[in-house]
Amino acid sequence: MENSRRYEAGAKVMEELFSKEVRTGMGEIKKISPDLWNMIVSFGFGDLYARKTLSLAQREIITLTTLITQGAFEQLRVHLQAALNTGLSKEEIIELIIHCAGYVGFPKAVQAMGIAGEIFKEN
């Protein structure tokens, strides 16, 4: 896919996943590094998320799991909201975090659950 089409596809997926407020916040990266922003939109969301085999909800399950594994809790906040936007239920997200405890340990799972609780309250 050519670069402009990749970017357009990525921007479209981001609109489905994230609120305008979140997208605006994410766009701050563009002011610092337009190149990194282009990579995020074109590759991260255009090349990866826009693929057809997995649903956006399935992709968010993968993303949540990897973010918990890495301890990338600021990114986790954004993707918990995106997961809800794709139709994942609170119960499914809770179960995902519980399942992660066996692989990543209780400290990361407990922190992830706390963040999820905050996101659930906001919704």
PDB file of N, CA and C in Angstrom:
ATOM      1  N   MET A   1       0.851  -1.172   0.000  1.00  0.00           N
ATOM      2  CA  MET A   1       0.000   0.000   0.000  1.00  0.00           C
ATOM      3  C   MET A   1       0.901   1.240   0.000  1.00  0.00           C
ATOM      4  N   GLU A   2       0.563   2.227  -0.805  1.00  0.00           N
ATOM      5  CA  GLU A   2       1.370   3.442  -0.856  1.00  0.00           C
ATOM      6  C   GLU A   2       1.212   4.239   0.434  1.00  0.00           C
ATOM      7  N   ASN A   3       2.177   5.095   0.712  1.00  0.00           N
ATOM      8  CA  ASN A   3       2.239   5.790   1.994  1.00  0.00           C
ATOM      9  C   ASN A   3       0.983   6.576   2.338  1.00  0.00           C
ATOM     10  N   SER A   4       0.430   7.313   1.389  1.00  0.00           N
ATOM     11  CA  SER A   4      -0.757   8.125   1.705  1.00  0.00           C
ATOM     12  C   SER A   4      -1.953   7.233   2.034  1.00  0.00           C
ATOM     13  N   ARG A   5      -2.071   6.105   1.362  1.00  0.00           N
ATOM     14  CA  ARG A   5      -3.181   5.177   1.645  1.00  0.00           C
ATOM     15  C   ARG A   5      -2.987   4.510   3.007  1.00  0.00           C
ATOM     16  N   ARG A   6      -1.743   4.197   3.350  1.00  0.00           N
ATOM     17  CA  ARG A   6      -1.440   3.607   4.663  1.00  0.00           C
ATOM     18  C   ARG A   6      -1.833   4.597   5.759  1.00  0.00           C
ATOM     19  N   TYR A   7      -1.455   5.857   5.575  1.00  0.00           N
ATOM     20  CA  TYR A   7      -1.760   6.892   6.562  1.00  0.00           C
ATOM     21  C   TYR A   7      -3.273   7.070   6.694  1.00  0.00           C
ATOM     22  N   GLU A   8      -3.967   7.150   5.570  1.00  0.00           N
ATOM     23  CA  GLU A   8      -5.432   7.305   5.585  1.00  0.00           C
ATOM     24  C   GLU A   8      -6.100   6.124   6.283  1.00  0.00           C
ATOM     25  N   ALA A   9      -5.635   4.910   5.988  1.00  0.00           N
ATOM     26  CA  ALA A   9      -6.198   3.717   6.637  1.00  0.00           C
ATOM     27  C   ALA A   9      -5.944   3.762   8.142  1.00  0.00           C
ATOM     28  N   GLY A  10      -4.749   4.173   8.528  1.00  0.00           N
ATOM     29  CA  GLY A  10      -4.419   4.272   9.947  1.00  0.00           C
ATOM     30  C   GLY A  10      -5.254   5.322  10.655  1.00  0.00           C
ATOM     31  N   ALA A  11      -5.433   6.467  10.028  1.00  0.00           N
ATOM     32  CA  ALA A  11      -6.239   7.536  10.616  1.00  0.00           C
ATOM     33  C   ALA A  11      -7.688   7.085  10.797  1.00  0.00           C
ATOM     34  N   LYS A  12      -8.199   6.346   9.842  1.00  0.00           N
ATOM     35  CA  LYS A  12      -9.573   5.839   9.932  1.00  0.00           C
ATOM     36  C   LYS A  12      -9.721   4.875  11.109  1.00  0.00           C
ATOM     37  N   VAL A  13      -8.774   3.969  11.276  1.00  0.00           N
ATOM     38  CA  VAL A  13      -8.820   3.029  12.395  1.00  0.00           C
ATOM     39  C   VAL A  13      -8.736   3.783  13.716  1.00  0.00           C
ATOM     40  N   MET A  14      -7.864   4.778  13.785  1.00  0.00           N
ATOM     41  CA  MET A  14      -7.725   5.553  15.014  1.00  0.00           C
ATOM     42  C   MET A  14      -9.032   6.245  15.385  1.00  0.00           C
ATOM     43  N   GLU A  15      -9.778   6.695  14.384  1.00  0.00           N
ATOM     44  CA  GLU A  15     -11.080   7.316  14.650  1.00  0.00           C
ATOM     45  C   GLU A  15     -12.058   6.309  15.254  1.00  0.00           C
ATOM     46  N   GLU A  16     -11.966   5.052  14.844  1.00  0.00           N
ATOM     47  CA  GLU A  16     -12.839   4.012  15.394  1.00  0.00           C
ATOM     48  C   GLU A  16     -12.452   3.653  16.824  1.00  0.00           C
ATOM     49  N   LEU A  17     -11.162   3.670  17.098  1.00  0.00           N
ATOM     50  CA  LEU A  17     -10.675   3.218  18.400  1.00  0.00           C
ATOM     51  C   LEU A  17     -10.702   4.301  19.473  1.00  0.00           C
ATOM     52  N   PHE A  18     -10.329   5.521  19.125  1.00  0.00           N
ATOM     53  CA  PHE A  18     -10.054   6.540  20.122  1.00  0.00           C
ATOM     54  C   PHE A  18     -10.980   7.743  19.993  1.00  0.00           C
ATOM     55  N   SER A  19     -11.307   8.332  21.116  1.00  0.00           N
ATOM     56  CA  SER A  19     -12.100   9.560  21.120  1.00  0.00           C
ATOM     57  C   SER A  19     -11.285  10.694  20.502  1.00  0.00           C
ATOM     58  N   LYS A  20     -11.975  11.752  20.125  1.00  0.00           N
ATOM     59  CA  LYS A  20     -11.289  12.914  19.555  1.00  0.00           C
ATOM     60  C   LYS A  20     -10.283  13.474  20.554  1.00  0.00           C
ATOM     61  N   GLU A  21     -10.650  13.484  21.823  1.00  0.00           N
ATOM     62  CA  GLU A  21      -9.758  13.992  22.872  1.00  0.00           C
ATOM     63  C   GLU A  21      -8.465  13.177  22.936  1.00  0.00           C
ATOM     64  N   VAL A  22      -8.598  11.860  22.886  1.00  0.00           N
ATOM     65  CA  VAL A  22      -7.416  10.988  22.922  1.00  0.00           C
ATOM     66  C   VAL A  22      -6.571  11.202  21.670  1.00  0.00           C
ATOM     67  N   ARG A  23      -7.212  11.281  20.514  1.00  0.00           N
ATOM     68  CA  ARG A  23      -6.458  11.491  19.267  1.00  0.00           C
ATOM     69  C   ARG A  23      -5.717  12.822  19.292  1.00  0.00           C
ATOM     70  N   THR A  24      -6.349  13.843  19.863  1.00  0.00           N
ATOM     71  CA  THR A  24      -5.691  15.145  19.979  1.00  0.00           C
ATOM     72  C   THR A  24      -4.463  15.040  20.870  1.00  0.00           C
ATOM     73  N   GLY A  25      -4.609  14.346  21.995  1.00  0.00           N
ATOM     74  CA  GLY A  25      -3.470  14.146  22.893  1.00  0.00           C
ATOM     75  C   GLY A  25      -2.345  13.373  22.232  1.00  0.00           C
ATOM     76  N   MET A  26      -2.724  12.338  21.504  1.00  0.00           N
ATOM     77  CA  MET A  26      -1.720  11.539  20.790  1.00  0.00           C
ATOM     78  C   MET A  26      -1.014  12.388  19.736  1.00  0.00           C
ATOM     79  N   GLY A  27      -1.755  13.310  19.149  1.00  0.00           N
ATOM     80  CA  GLY A  27      -1.210  14.159  18.094  1.00  0.00           C
ATOM     81  C   GLY A  27      -0.110  15.092  18.567  1.00  0.00           C
ATOM     82  N   GLU A  28       0.031  15.246  19.876  1.00  0.00           N
ATOM     83  CA  GLU A  28       1.128  16.056  20.411  1.00  0.00           C
ATOM     84  C   GLU A  28       2.477  15.499  19.960  1.00  0.00           C
ATOM     85  N   ILE A  29       2.531  14.192  19.755  1.00  0.00           N
ATOM     86  CA  ILE A  29       3.769  13.569  19.276  1.00  0.00           C
ATOM     87  C   ILE A  29       4.162  14.147  17.917  1.00  0.00           C
ATOM     88  N   LYS A  30       3.157  14.473  17.109  1.00  0.00           N
ATOM     89  CA  LYS A  30       3.418  15.022  15.772  1.00  0.00           C
ATOM     90  C   LYS A  30       4.204  16.324  15.858  1.00  0.00           C
ATOM     91  N   LYS A  31       3.922  17.140  16.889  1.00  0.00           N
ATOM     92  CA  LYS A  31       4.641  18.410  17.052  1.00  0.00           C
ATOM     93  C   LYS A  31       6.114  18.170  17.386  1.00  0.00           C
ATOM     94  N   ILE A  32       6.375  17.104  18.124  1.00  0.00           N
ATOM     95  CA  ILE A  32       7.748  16.785  18.523  1.00  0.00           C
ATOM     96  C   ILE A  32       8.488  16.088  17.394  1.00  0.00           C
ATOM     97  N   SER A  33       7.839  15.091  16.799  1.00  0.00           N
ATOM     98  CA  SER A  33       8.479  14.320  15.734  1.00  0.00           C
ATOM     99  C   SER A  33       7.453  13.901  14.694  1.00  0.00           C
ATOM    100  N   PRO A  34       7.307  14.678  13.636  1.00  0.00           N
ATOM    101  CA  PRO A  34       6.386  14.291  12.561  1.00  0.00           C
ATOM    102  C   PRO A  34       6.702  12.913  11.983  1.00  0.00           C
ATOM    103  N   ASP A  35       7.988  12.559  11.957  1.00  0.00           N
ATOM    104  CA  ASP A  35       8.367  11.251  11.410  1.00  0.00           C
ATOM    105  C   ASP A  35       7.819  10.111  12.267  1.00  0.00           C
ATOM    106  N   LEU A  36       7.969  10.228  13.597  1.00  0.00           N
ATOM    107  CA  LEU A  36       7.442   9.185  14.477  1.00  0.00           C
ATOM    108  C   LEU A  36       5.926   9.126  14.365  1.00  0.00           C
ATOM    109  N   TRP A  37       5.264  10.279  14.309  1.00  0.00           N
ATOM    110  CA  TRP A  37       3.809  10.316  14.172  1.00  0.00           C
ATOM    111  C   TRP A  37       3.372   9.585  12.907  1.00  0.00           C
ATOM    112  N   ASN A  38       4.062   9.844  11.798  1.00  0.00           N
ATOM    113  CA  ASN A  38       3.735   9.164  10.544  1.00  0.00           C
ATOM    114  C   ASN A  38       3.898   7.656  10.686  1.00  0.00           C
ATOM    115  N   MET A  39       4.943   7.219  11.387  1.00  0.00           N
ATOM    116  CA  MET A  39       5.151   5.784  11.602  1.00  0.00           C
ATOM    117  C   MET A  39       4.019   5.183  12.434  1.00  0.00           C
ATOM    118  N   ILE A  40       3.617   5.888  13.474  1.00  0.00           N
ATOM    119  CA  ILE A  40       2.538   5.400  14.338  1.00  0.00           C
ATOM    120  C   ILE A  40       1.255   5.213  13.528  1.00  0.00           C
ATOM    121  N   VAL A  41       0.893   6.253  12.782  1.00  0.00           N
ATOM    122  CA  VAL A  41      -0.365   6.205  12.025  1.00  0.00           C
ATOM    123  C   VAL A  41      -0.269   5.225  10.860  1.00  0.00           C
ATOM    124  N   SER A  42       0.784   5.351  10.056  1.00  0.00           N
ATOM    125  CA  SER A  42       0.902   4.532   8.841  1.00  0.00           C
ATOM    126  C   SER A  42       1.195   3.072   9.139  1.00  0.00           C
ATOM    127  N   PHE A  43       2.182   2.817   9.978  1.00  0.00           N
ATOM    128  CA  PHE A  43       2.540   1.428  10.271  1.00  0.00           C
ATOM    129  C   PHE A  43       1.662   0.847  11.372  1.00  0.00           C
ATOM    130  N   GLY A  44       1.672   1.500  12.531  1.00  0.00           N
ATOM    131  CA  GLY A  44       0.960   0.943  13.677  1.00  0.00           C
ATOM    132  C   GLY A  44      -0.518   0.711  13.416  1.00  0.00           C
ATOM    133  N   PHE A  45      -1.161   1.707  12.854  1.00  0.00           N
ATOM    134  CA  PHE A  45      -2.605   1.583  12.643  1.00  0.00           C
ATOM    135  C   PHE A  45      -2.976   1.281  11.199  1.00  0.00           C
ATOM    136  N   GLY A  46      -2.219   1.791  10.236  1.00  0.00           N
ATOM    137  CA  GLY A  46      -2.504   1.521   8.828  1.00  0.00           C
ATOM    138  C   GLY A  46      -2.110   0.125   8.394  1.00  0.00           C
ATOM    139  N   ASP A  47      -0.881  -0.270   8.711  1.00  0.00           N
ATOM    140  CA  ASP A  47      -0.399  -1.596   8.300  1.00  0.00           C
ATOM    141  C   ASP A  47      -0.861  -2.705   9.240  1.00  0.00           C
ATOM    142  N   LEU A  48      -0.914  -2.435  10.534  1.00  0.00           N
ATOM    143  CA  LEU A  48      -1.252  -3.503  11.481  1.00  0.00           C
ATOM    144  C   LEU A  48      -2.744  -3.556  11.791  1.00  0.00           C
ATOM    145  N   TYR A  49      -3.292  -2.512  12.351  1.00  0.00           N
ATOM    146  CA  TYR A  49      -4.689  -2.540  12.790  1.00  0.00           C
ATOM    147  C   TYR A  49      -5.680  -2.623  11.636  1.00  0.00           C
ATOM    148  N   ALA A  50      -5.342  -2.093  10.477  1.00  0.00           N
ATOM    149  CA  ALA A  50      -6.288  -2.069   9.353  1.00  0.00           C
ATOM    150  C   ALA A  50      -6.368  -3.401   8.602  1.00  0.00           C
ATOM    151  N   ARG A  51      -5.548  -4.368   8.971  1.00  0.00           N
ATOM    152  CA  ARG A  51      -5.616  -5.678   8.319  1.00  0.00           C
ATOM    153  C   ARG A  51      -6.975  -6.317   8.607  1.00  0.00           C
ATOM    154  N   LYS A  52      -7.412  -7.204   7.760  1.00  0.00           N
ATOM    155  CA  LYS A  52      -8.787  -7.704   7.816  1.00  0.00           C
ATOM    156  C   LYS A  52      -8.990  -9.014   8.577  1.00  0.00           C
ATOM    157  N   THR A  53      -7.978  -9.828   8.782  1.00  0.00           N
ATOM    158  CA  THR A  53      -8.189 -11.164   9.337  1.00  0.00           C
ATOM    159  C   THR A  53      -8.693 -11.132  10.784  1.00  0.00           C
ATOM    160  N   LEU A  54      -8.127 -10.260  11.606  1.00  0.00           N
ATOM    161  CA  LEU A  54      -8.562 -10.135  12.994  1.00  0.00           C
ATOM    162  C   LEU A  54      -9.449  -8.905  13.140  1.00  0.00           C
ATOM    163  N   SER A  55     -10.416  -8.992  14.026  1.00  0.00           N
ATOM    164  CA  SER A  55     -11.269  -7.839  14.305  1.00  0.00           C
ATOM    165  C   SER A  55     -10.502  -6.834  15.157  1.00  0.00           C
ATOM    166  N   LEU A  56     -11.022  -5.620  15.238  1.00  0.00           N
ATOM    167  CA  LEU A  56     -10.393  -4.626  16.109  1.00  0.00           C
ATOM    168  C   LEU A  56     -10.427  -5.089  17.566  1.00  0.00           C
ATOM    169  N   ALA A  57     -11.486  -5.764  17.966  1.00  0.00           N
ATOM    170  CA  ALA A  57     -11.564  -6.273  19.344  1.00  0.00           C
ATOM    171  C   ALA A  57     -10.467  -7.309  19.592  1.00  0.00           C
ATOM    172  N   GLN A  58     -10.260  -8.207  18.639  1.00  0.00           N
ATOM    173  CA  GLN A  58      -9.194  -9.205  18.800  1.00  0.00           C
ATOM    174  C   GLN A  58      -7.825  -8.526  18.863  1.00  0.00           C
ATOM    175  N   ARG A  59      -7.637  -7.511  18.053  1.00  0.00           N
ATOM    176  CA  ARG A  59      -6.369  -6.782  18.073  1.00  0.00           C
ATOM    177  C   ARG A  59      -6.174  -6.072  19.413  1.00  0.00           C
ATOM    178  N   GLU A  60      -7.242  -5.565  19.977  1.00  0.00           N
ATOM    179  CA  GLU A  60      -7.134  -4.916  21.284  1.00  0.00           C
ATOM    180  C   GLU A  60      -6.823  -5.927  22.390  1.00  0.00           C
ATOM    181  N   ILE A  61      -7.331  -7.131  22.285  1.00  0.00           N
ATOM    182  CA  ILE A  61      -6.973  -8.173  23.259  1.00  0.00           C
ATOM    183  C   ILE A  61      -5.462  -8.404  23.222  1.00  0.00           C
ATOM    184  N   ILE A  62      -4.921  -8.502  22.025  1.00  0.00           N
ATOM    185  CA  ILE A  62      -3.478  -8.695  21.872  1.00  0.00           C
ATOM    186  C   ILE A  62      -2.723  -7.484  22.436  1.00  0.00           C
ATOM    187  N   THR A  63      -3.195  -6.301  22.092  1.00  0.00           N
ATOM    188  CA  THR A  63      -2.522  -5.084  22.525  1.00  0.00           C
ATOM    189  C   THR A  63      -2.547  -4.950  24.045  1.00  0.00           C
ATOM    190  N   LEU A  64      -3.707  -5.179  24.665  1.00  0.00           N
ATOM    191  CA  LEU A  64      -3.790  -5.095  26.124  1.00  0.00           C
ATOM    192  C   LEU A  64      -2.817  -6.065  26.777  1.00  0.00           C
ATOM    193  N   THR A  65      -2.791  -7.277  26.274  1.00  0.00           N
ATOM    194  CA  THR A  65      -1.906  -8.299  26.837  1.00  0.00           C
ATOM    195  C   THR A  65      -0.445  -7.886  26.739  1.00  0.00           C
ATOM    196  N   THR A  66      -0.047  -7.386  25.579  1.00  0.00           N
ATOM    197  CA  THR A  66       1.358  -7.007  25.424  1.00  0.00           C
ATOM    198  C   THR A  66       1.706  -5.778  26.255  1.00  0.00           C
ATOM    199  N   LEU A  67       0.783  -4.843  26.378  1.00  0.00           N
ATOM    200  CA  LEU A  67       1.057  -3.658  27.197  1.00  0.00           C
ATOM    201  C   LEU A  67       1.196  -4.029  28.671  1.00  0.00           C
ATOM    202  N   ILE A  68       0.343  -4.942  29.143  1.00  0.00           N
ATOM    203  CA  ILE A  68       0.459  -5.418  30.527  1.00  0.00           C
ATOM    204  C   ILE A  68       1.801  -6.121  30.716  1.00  0.00           C
ATOM    205  N   THR A  69       2.169  -6.949  29.776  1.00  0.00           N
ATOM    206  CA  THR A  69       3.432  -7.679  29.847  1.00  0.00           C
ATOM    207  C   THR A  69       4.621  -6.719  29.942  1.00  0.00           C
ATOM    208  N   GLN A  70       4.574  -5.656  29.172  1.00  0.00           N
ATOM    209  CA  GLN A  70       5.665  -4.678  29.168  1.00  0.00           C
ATOM    210  C   GLN A  70       5.628  -3.739  30.364  1.00  0.00           C
ATOM    211  N   GLY A  71       4.471  -3.667  31.031  1.00  0.00           N
ATOM    212  CA  GLY A  71       4.311  -2.665  32.086  1.00  0.00           C
ATOM    213  C   GLY A  71       4.130  -1.274  31.508  1.00  0.00           C
ATOM    214  N   ALA A  72       3.591  -1.191  30.312  1.00  0.00           N
ATOM    215  CA  ALA A  72       3.374   0.089  29.618  1.00  0.00           C
ATOM    216  C   ALA A  72       2.001   0.632  30.012  1.00  0.00           C
ATOM    217  N   PHE A  73       1.900   1.082  31.261  1.00  0.00           N
ATOM    218  CA  PHE A  73       0.592   1.384  31.839  1.00  0.00           C
ATOM    219  C   PHE A  73      -0.040   2.681  31.325  1.00  0.00           C
ATOM    220  N   GLU A  74       0.743   3.642  30.886  1.00  0.00           N
ATOM    221  CA  GLU A  74       0.138   4.849  30.301  1.00  0.00           C
ATOM    222  C   GLU A  74      -0.543   4.505  28.982  1.00  0.00           C
ATOM    223  N   GLN A  75       0.103   3.681  28.164  1.00  0.00           N
ATOM    224  CA  GLN A  75      -0.508   3.231  26.921  1.00  0.00           C
ATOM    225  C   GLN A  75      -1.712   2.336  27.207  1.00  0.00           C
ATOM    226  N   LEU A  76      -1.629   1.577  28.294  1.00  0.00           N
ATOM    227  CA  LEU A  76      -2.729   0.678  28.663  1.00  0.00           C
ATOM    228  C   LEU A  76      -4.017   1.464  28.864  1.00  0.00           C
ATOM    229  N   ARG A  77      -3.941   2.620  29.495  1.00  0.00           N
ATOM    230  CA  ARG A  77      -5.135   3.454  29.722  1.00  0.00           C
ATOM    231  C   ARG A  77      -5.863   3.736  28.415  1.00  0.00           C
ATOM    232  N   VAL A  78      -5.115   4.160  27.429  1.00  0.00           N
ATOM    233  CA  VAL A  78      -5.692   4.518  26.132  1.00  0.00           C
ATOM    234  C   VAL A  78      -6.308   3.294  25.467  1.00  0.00           C
ATOM    235  N   HIS A  79      -5.612   2.173  25.552  1.00  0.00           N
ATOM    236  CA  HIS A  79      -6.099   0.979  24.858  1.00  0.00           C
ATOM    237  C   HIS A  79      -7.221   0.272  25.624  1.00  0.00           C
ATOM    238  N   LEU A  80      -7.331   0.484  26.920  1.00  0.00           N
ATOM    239  CA  LEU A  80      -8.504  -0.036  27.636  1.00  0.00           C
ATOM    240  C   LEU A  80      -9.761   0.645  27.120  1.00  0.00           C
ATOM    241  N   GLN A  81      -9.681   1.948  26.929  1.00  0.00           N
ATOM    242  CA  GLN A  81     -10.827   2.677  26.371  1.00  0.00           C
ATOM    243  C   GLN A  81     -11.108   2.216  24.951  1.00  0.00           C
ATOM    244  N   ALA A  82     -10.050   2.030  24.164  1.00  0.00           N
ATOM    245  CA  ALA A  82     -10.227   1.543  22.791  1.00  0.00           C
ATOM    246  C   ALA A  82     -10.880   0.166  22.791  1.00  0.00           C
ATOM    247  N   ALA A  83     -10.471  -0.697  23.721  1.00  0.00           N
ATOM    248  CA  ALA A  83     -11.057  -2.042  23.808  1.00  0.00           C
ATOM    249  C   ALA A  83     -12.555  -1.959  24.079  1.00  0.00           C
ATOM    250  N   LEU A  84     -12.943  -1.083  24.974  1.00  0.00           N
ATOM    251  CA  LEU A  84     -14.384  -0.893  25.234  1.00  0.00           C
ATOM    252  C   LEU A  84     -15.075  -0.370  23.981  1.00  0.00           C
ATOM    253  N   ASN A  85     -14.418   0.533  23.262  1.00  0.00           N
ATOM    254  CA  ASN A  85     -14.998   1.090  22.024  1.00  0.00           C
ATOM    255  C   ASN A  85     -15.178   0.036  20.949  1.00  0.00           C
ATOM    256  N   THR A  86     -14.383  -1.042  20.985  1.00  0.00           N
ATOM    257  CA  THR A  86     -14.519  -2.105  19.980  1.00  0.00           C
ATOM    258  C   THR A  86     -15.581  -3.128  20.370  1.00  0.00           C
ATOM    259  N   GLY A  87     -16.130  -2.984  21.576  1.00  0.00           N
ATOM    260  CA  GLY A  87     -17.173  -3.906  22.001  1.00  0.00           C
ATOM    261  C   GLY A  87     -16.747  -4.919  23.043  1.00  0.00           C
ATOM    262  N   LEU A  88     -15.491  -4.908  23.455  1.00  0.00           N
ATOM    263  CA  LEU A  88     -15.101  -5.800  24.550  1.00  0.00           C
ATOM    264  C   LEU A  88     -15.842  -5.361  25.804  1.00  0.00           C
ATOM    265  N   SER A  89     -16.266  -6.330  26.574  1.00  0.00           N
ATOM    266  CA  SER A  89     -17.005  -6.016  27.800  1.00  0.00           C
ATOM    267  C   SER A  89     -16.053  -5.839  28.970  1.00  0.00           C
ATOM    268  N   LYS A  90     -16.553  -5.205  29.999  1.00  0.00           N
ATOM    269  CA  LYS A  90     -15.803  -5.059  31.248  1.00  0.00           C
ATOM    270  C   LYS A  90     -15.373  -6.439  31.749  1.00  0.00           C
ATOM    271  N   GLU A  91     -16.267  -7.396  31.701  1.00  0.00           N
ATOM    272  CA  GLU A  91     -15.987  -8.754  32.184  1.00  0.00           C
ATOM    273  C   GLU A  91     -14.871  -9.413  31.382  1.00  0.00           C
ATOM    274  N   GLU A  92     -14.885  -9.223  30.061  1.00  0.00           N
ATOM    275  CA  GLU A  92     -13.835  -9.805  29.223  1.00  0.00           C
ATOM    276  C   GLU A  92     -12.474  -9.187  29.549  1.00  0.00           C
ATOM    277  N   ILE A  93     -12.451  -7.886  29.761  1.00  0.00           N
ATOM    278  CA  ILE A  93     -11.198  -7.206  30.094  1.00  0.00           C
ATOM    279  C   ILE A  93     -10.690  -7.663  31.454  1.00  0.00           C
ATOM    280  N   ILE A  94     -11.578  -7.786  32.425  1.00  0.00           N
ATOM    281  CA  ILE A  94     -11.186  -8.278  33.746  1.00  0.00           C
ATOM    282  C   ILE A  94     -10.599  -9.679  33.627  1.00  0.00           C
ATOM    283  N   GLU A  95     -11.231 -10.534  32.856  1.00  0.00           N
ATOM    284  CA  GLU A  95     -10.738 -11.904  32.687  1.00  0.00           C
ATOM    285  C   GLU A  95      -9.375 -11.924  32.000  1.00  0.00           C
ATOM    286  N   LEU A  96      -9.186 -11.069  31.020  1.00  0.00           N
ATOM    287  CA  LEU A  96      -7.900 -10.955  30.349  1.00  0.00           C
ATOM    288  C   LEU A  96      -6.804 -10.595  31.351  1.00  0.00           C
ATOM    289  N   ILE A  97      -7.085  -9.634  32.216  1.00  0.00           N
ATOM    290  CA  ILE A  97      -6.086  -9.212  33.209  1.00  0.00           C
ATOM    291  C   ILE A  97      -5.807 -10.335  34.199  1.00  0.00           C
ATOM    292  N   ILE A  98      -6.842 -11.017  34.644  1.00  0.00           N
ATOM    293  CA  ILE A  98      -6.647 -12.151  35.558  1.00  0.00           C
ATOM    294  C   ILE A  98      -5.777 -13.215  34.887  1.00  0.00           C
ATOM    295  N   HIS A  99      -6.051 -13.494  33.632  1.00  0.00           N
ATOM    296  CA  HIS A  99      -5.266 -14.499  32.905  1.00  0.00           C
ATOM    297  C   HIS A  99      -3.801 -14.080  32.814  1.00  0.00           C
ATOM    298  N   CYS A 100      -3.563 -12.801  32.601  1.00  0.00           N
ATOM    299  CA  CYS A 100      -2.188 -12.311  32.510  1.00  0.00           C
ATOM    300  C   CYS A 100      -1.410 -12.511  33.805  1.00  0.00           C
ATOM    301  N   ALA A 101      -2.094 -12.529  34.942  1.00  0.00           N
ATOM    302  CA  ALA A 101      -1.400 -12.668  36.229  1.00  0.00           C
ATOM    303  C   ALA A 101      -0.509 -13.904  36.248  1.00  0.00           C
ATOM    304  N   GLY A 102      -0.951 -14.973  35.621  1.00  0.00           N
ATOM    305  CA  GLY A 102      -0.177 -16.212  35.597  1.00  0.00           C
ATOM    306  C   GLY A 102       1.076 -16.128  34.757  1.00  0.00           C
ATOM    307  N   TYR A 103       1.150 -15.163  33.871  1.00  0.00           N
ATOM    308  CA  TYR A 103       2.287 -15.048  32.961  1.00  0.00           C
ATOM    309  C   TYR A 103       3.185 -13.851  33.270  1.00  0.00           C
ATOM    310  N   VAL A 104       2.600 -12.771  33.761  1.00  0.00           N
ATOM    311  CA  VAL A 104       3.388 -11.551  33.990  1.00  0.00           C
ATOM    312  C   VAL A 104       3.596 -11.259  35.467  1.00  0.00           C
ATOM    313  N   GLY A 105       2.866 -11.962  36.334  1.00  0.00           N
ATOM    314  CA  GLY A 105       2.989 -11.751  37.771  1.00  0.00           C
ATOM    315  C   GLY A 105       1.885 -10.859  38.319  1.00  0.00           C
ATOM    316  N   PHE A 106       1.707 -10.979  39.619  1.00  0.00           N
ATOM    317  CA  PHE A 106       0.644 -10.218  40.268  1.00  0.00           C
ATOM    318  C   PHE A 106       0.873  -8.716  40.278  1.00  0.00           C
ATOM    319  N   PRO A 107       2.095  -8.207  40.467  1.00  0.00           N
ATOM    320  CA  PRO A 107       2.248  -6.747  40.497  1.00  0.00           C
ATOM    321  C   PRO A 107       1.733  -6.064  39.227  1.00  0.00           C
ATOM    322  N   LYS A 108       2.074  -6.591  38.065  1.00  0.00           N
ATOM    323  CA  LYS A 108       1.601  -5.980  36.822  1.00  0.00           C
ATOM    324  C   LYS A 108       0.099  -6.175  36.656  1.00  0.00           C
ATOM    325  N   ALA A 109      -0.403  -7.342  37.020  1.00  0.00           N
ATOM    326  CA  ALA A 109      -1.842  -7.600  36.894  1.00  0.00           C
ATOM    327  C   ALA A 109      -2.638  -6.700  37.841  1.00  0.00           C
ATOM    328  N   VAL A 110      -2.154  -6.532  39.049  1.00  0.00           N
ATOM    329  CA  VAL A 110      -2.851  -5.682  40.017  1.00  0.00           C
ATOM    330  C   VAL A 110      -2.859  -4.232  39.537  1.00  0.00           C
ATOM    331  N   GLN A 111      -1.728  -3.762  39.029  1.00  0.00           N
ATOM    332  CA  GLN A 111      -1.691  -2.386  38.519  1.00  0.00           C
ATOM    333  C   GLN A 111      -2.623  -2.235  37.319  1.00  0.00           C
ATOM    334  N   ALA A 112      -2.625  -3.206  36.431  1.00  0.00           N
ATOM    335  CA  ALA A 112      -3.517  -3.159  35.271  1.00  0.00           C
ATOM    336  C   ALA A 112      -4.978  -3.150  35.704  1.00  0.00           C
ATOM    337  N   MET A 113      -5.314  -3.956  36.706  1.00  0.00           N
ATOM    338  CA  MET A 113      -6.698  -4.010  37.185  1.00  0.00           C
ATOM    339  C   MET A 113      -7.117  -2.673  37.797  1.00  0.00           C
ATOM    340  N   GLY A 114      -6.199  -2.042  38.523  1.00  0.00           N
ATOM    341  CA  GLY A 114      -6.500  -0.725  39.088  1.00  0.00           C
ATOM    342  C   GLY A 114      -6.783   0.300  38.006  1.00  0.00           C
ATOM    343  N   ILE A 115      -5.985   0.284  36.976  1.00  0.00           N
ATOM    344  CA  ILE A 115      -6.196   1.212  35.858  1.00  0.00           C
ATOM    345  C   ILE A 115      -7.511   0.895  35.161  1.00  0.00           C
ATOM    346  N   ALA A 116      -7.785  -0.379  34.966  1.00  0.00           N
ATOM    347  CA  ALA A 116      -9.056  -0.773  34.335  1.00  0.00           C
ATOM    348  C   ALA A 116     -10.233  -0.270  35.168  1.00  0.00           C
ATOM    349  N   GLY A 117     -10.132  -0.399  36.486  1.00  0.00           N
ATOM    350  CA  GLY A 117     -11.198   0.095  37.364  1.00  0.00           C
ATOM    351  C   GLY A 117     -11.443   1.583  37.169  1.00  0.00           C
ATOM    352  N   GLU A 118     -10.379   2.355  37.002  1.00  0.00           N
ATOM    353  CA  GLU A 118     -10.518   3.797  36.757  1.00  0.00           C
ATOM    354  C   GLU A 118     -11.223   4.060  35.431  1.00  0.00           C
ATOM    355  N   ILE A 119     -10.834   3.328  34.412  1.00  0.00           N
ATOM    356  CA  ILE A 119     -11.457   3.497  33.085  1.00  0.00           C
ATOM    357  C   ILE A 119     -12.927   3.094  33.137  1.00  0.00           C
ATOM    358  N   PHE A 120     -13.236   2.004  33.846  1.00  0.00           N
ATOM    359  CA  PHE A 120     -14.637   1.567  33.954  1.00  0.00           C
ATOM    360  C   PHE A 120     -15.496   2.634  34.641  1.00  0.00           C
ATOM    361  N   LYS A 121     -14.950   3.274  35.663  1.00  0.00           N
ATOM    362  CA  LYS A 121     -15.694   4.343  36.370  1.00  0.00           C
ATOM    363  C   LYS A 121     -15.989   5.520  35.446  1.00  0.00           C
ATOM    364  N   GLU A 122     -15.041   5.823  34.575  1.00  0.00           N
ATOM    365  CA  GLU A 122     -15.216   6.940  33.634  1.00  0.00           C
ATOM    366  C   GLU A 122     -16.296   6.638  32.592  1.00  0.00           C
ATOM    367  N   ASN A 123     -16.571   5.341  32.403  1.00  0.00           N
ATOM    368  CA  ASN A 123     -17.554   4.942  31.383  1.00  0.00           C
ATOM    369  C   ASN A 123     -18.829   4.483  32.031  1.00  0.00           C
TER     370      ASN A 123
END
